[in-house]
Amino acid sequence: MADNYLEKRMEEYRAGKLAPKVRRVVHTSSAPVDGALILNFPMLNVVIIGGGIALLSETVRRFRSVGARVAICHSDKRLCTPLAQSCSCRYYPFDENDASRREAVLADVEERWGGVDVAVDLRECQDEEVAREMAENMAMLTVIHSHPRLAIEGSYEFGL
């Protein structure tokens, strides 16, 4: 009886019936839209200082969407802590008038991430009404203008 079982299993093995099922997954990439400009961002280390919450949160989300590491420096701990947690960012409680605190934040980011590539100062953009209306566009422009080729070359021409 054992011989019959082993023979049957050997036949199934040779026929490929015992092989693991191979699941084929087809990935399709969407073709770029005519006139689209595609920027590939390297890993950026970004520090965002102050600003209205609407503009701050939109700017954080835009930088995180391109894979940047973001540190938030803001005085409103109640609103910024959940924002940092939901976007996987670092949050530093911040007093705008304390220059030593700014230096401590930059030193900590330098130690953890190896430096700051982009610093965005939104302290002058405190008006929540204006920021809420223009937050998406302003955040997108900030991210685009932070691209290394734009920052280094100062040019809008890309060799795509």
Protein backbone atom coordinates (compact mmCIF):
# COMPACT_ATOMS: atom_id res chain seq x y z
CA MET A 1 0.00 0.00 0.00
CA ALA A 2 2.86 2.37 0.80
CA ASP A 3 4.44 1.55 -2.55
CA ASN A 4 1.23 2.52 -4.40
CA TYR A 5 1.07 5.80 -2.52
CA LEU A 6 4.70 6.63 -3.26
CA GLU A 7 4.29 5.68 -6.93
CA LYS A 8 1.22 7.87 -7.25
CA ARG A 9 2.96 10.83 -5.57
CA MET A 10 6.00 10.38 -7.82
CA GLU A 11 3.76 10.43 -10.91
CA GLU A 12 2.05 13.61 -9.68
CA TYR A 13 5.45 15.17 -9.03
CA ARG A 14 6.73 14.34 -12.52
CA ALA A 15 3.51 15.64 -14.09
CA GLY A 16 3.97 18.95 -12.27
CA LYS A 17 0.82 18.62 -10.21
CA LEU A 18 2.71 19.13 -6.93
CA ALA A 19 4.51 22.26 -8.08
CA PRO A 20 3.45 25.47 -6.38
CA LYS A 21 0.92 27.52 -8.27
CA VAL A 22 2.51 30.43 -10.08
CA ARG A 23 0.44 33.54 -9.99
CA ARG A 24 1.14 35.95 -12.78
CA VAL A 25 0.65 39.61 -12.08
CA VAL A 26 0.67 42.00 -14.97
CA HIS A 27 1.68 45.55 -14.13
CA THR A 28 0.65 48.17 -16.60
CA SER A 29 2.11 51.60 -16.50
CA SER A 30 0.05 54.46 -17.71
CA ALA A 31 1.55 56.35 -20.60
CA PRO A 32 2.45 59.94 -19.85
CA VAL A 33 -0.13 62.48 -20.87
CA ASP A 34 0.88 64.67 -23.80
CA GLY A 35 2.59 67.78 -22.50
CA ALA A 36 3.28 66.25 -19.08
CA LEU A 37 6.49 67.14 -17.28
CA ILE A 38 7.75 64.35 -15.07
CA LEU A 39 10.26 65.18 -12.34
CA ASN A 40 12.02 62.35 -10.56
CA PHE A 41 12.85 63.54 -7.08
CA PRO A 42 15.79 62.15 -5.17
CA MET A 43 15.42 61.70 -1.40
CA LEU A 44 15.17 65.24 -0.01
CA ASN A 45 15.49 66.27 3.63
CA VAL A 46 13.03 69.12 4.20
CA VAL A 47 12.49 71.38 7.21
CA ILE A 48 9.26 73.39 7.20
CA ILE A 49 9.03 76.28 9.65
CA GLY A 50 5.75 77.81 10.83
CA GLY A 51 2.87 78.93 8.67
CA GLY A 52 -0.88 78.56 8.69
CA ILE A 53 -2.04 75.01 9.34
CA ALA A 54 -3.79 74.62 5.96
CA LEU A 55 -0.69 75.64 4.01
CA LEU A 56 1.62 73.71 6.33
CA SER A 57 -0.33 70.47 6.06
CA GLU A 58 -0.63 70.73 2.27
CA THR A 59 3.09 71.47 1.92
CA VAL A 60 3.95 68.49 4.14
CA ARG A 61 1.69 66.19 2.13
CA ARG A 62 3.19 67.37 -1.17
CA PHE A 63 6.76 66.81 -0.02
CA ARG A 64 5.87 63.39 1.41
CA SER A 65 4.18 62.45 -1.88
CA VAL A 66 7.56 62.73 -3.65
CA GLY A 67 9.31 60.69 -0.96
CA ALA A 68 10.94 63.52 0.97
CA ARG A 69 11.70 63.26 4.68
CA VAL A 70 10.00 66.16 6.42
CA ALA A 71 10.58 67.86 9.75
CA ILE A 72 7.88 70.26 10.97
CA CYS A 73 8.84 73.19 13.20
CA HIS A 74 5.70 74.87 14.52
CA SER A 75 4.35 76.31 17.75
CA ASP A 76 0.90 74.65 17.58
CA LYS A 77 1.58 71.29 19.20
CA ARG A 78 -2.10 70.34 19.32
CA LEU A 79 -2.54 70.44 15.52
CA CYS A 80 0.97 69.53 14.35
CA THR A 81 1.45 66.36 16.39
CA PRO A 82 -1.42 64.49 14.64
CA LEU A 83 -0.27 65.91 11.27
CA ALA A 84 3.26 64.62 11.82
CA GLN A 85 1.97 61.22 12.91
CA SER A 86 -0.40 60.84 9.95
CA CYS A 87 2.27 61.88 7.42
CA SER A 88 5.23 60.07 9.04
CA CYS A 89 7.18 63.24 9.75
CA ARG A 90 9.26 64.55 12.62
CA TYR A 91 7.72 67.32 14.70
CA TYR A 92 9.68 69.85 16.71
CA PRO A 93 7.73 72.19 19.03
CA PHE A 94 9.07 75.53 18.00
CA ASP A 95 9.27 79.11 19.21
CA GLU A 96 9.81 81.39 16.22
CA ASN A 97 11.73 83.94 18.25
CA ASP A 98 14.21 81.47 19.77
CA ALA A 99 17.25 81.34 17.46
CA SER A 100 18.97 78.71 19.64
CA ARG A 101 15.98 76.38 19.18
CA ARG A 102 16.26 76.79 15.39
CA GLU A 103 19.93 75.84 15.56
CA ALA A 104 19.13 72.82 17.77
CA VAL A 105 16.51 71.60 15.28
CA LEU A 106 18.88 71.94 12.35
CA ALA A 107 21.64 70.16 14.29
CA ASP A 108 19.28 67.30 15.15
CA VAL A 109 18.13 66.94 11.54
CA GLU A 110 21.75 67.02 10.39
CA GLU A 111 22.65 64.28 12.86
CA ARG A 112 19.67 62.06 11.97
CA TRP A 113 19.43 62.58 8.20
CA GLY A 114 22.83 63.93 7.22
CA GLY A 115 21.74 67.47 6.48
CA VAL A 116 18.95 69.69 5.26
CA ASP A 117 18.37 69.93 1.51
CA VAL A 118 15.38 72.28 1.57
CA ALA A 119 14.23 74.74 4.22
CA VAL A 120 10.75 76.20 3.75
CA ASP A 121 9.92 79.19 5.93
CA LEU A 122 6.15 79.75 6.03
CA ARG A 123 6.13 82.07 9.05
CA GLU A 124 4.92 85.01 6.96
CA CYS A 125 1.96 82.94 5.67
CA GLN A 126 -0.17 82.93 8.82
CA ASP A 127 -3.45 84.13 7.27
CA GLU A 128 -5.60 80.99 7.34
CA GLU A 129 -8.25 82.39 4.99
CA VAL A 130 -5.78 83.16 2.19
CA ALA A 131 -3.72 80.04 2.86
CA ARG A 132 -6.77 77.77 2.70
CA GLU A 133 -7.74 79.12 -0.72
CA MET A 134 -4.27 78.90 -2.23
CA ALA A 135 -2.69 76.11 -0.16
CA GLU A 136 -2.69 73.45 -2.86
CA ASN A 137 -1.13 75.65 -5.54
CA MET A 138 1.41 77.22 -3.21
CA ALA A 139 2.47 73.83 -1.86
CA MET A 140 2.87 72.38 -5.34
CA LEU A 141 4.97 75.34 -6.47
CA THR A 142 7.14 75.02 -3.38
CA VAL A 143 7.81 71.36 -4.10
CA ILE A 144 8.54 71.95 -7.78
CA HIS A 145 10.90 74.83 -7.04
CA SER A 146 12.72 72.65 -4.51
CA HIS A 147 13.75 70.17 -7.20
CA PRO A 148 17.56 69.91 -7.17
CA ARG A 149 17.97 70.77 -10.86
CA LEU A 150 15.98 73.94 -10.42
CA ALA A 151 17.81 74.87 -7.24
CA ILE A 152 21.30 74.15 -8.60
CA GLU A 153 21.01 75.29 -12.18
CA GLY A 154 18.38 77.96 -11.66
CA SER A 155 16.89 76.84 -14.94
CA TYR A 156 13.54 75.50 -16.02
CA GLU A 157 14.92 73.55 -18.97
CA PHE A 158 15.08 69.81 -18.43
CA GLY A 159 16.85 67.30 -20.62
CA LEU A 160 13.96 64.85 -20.74
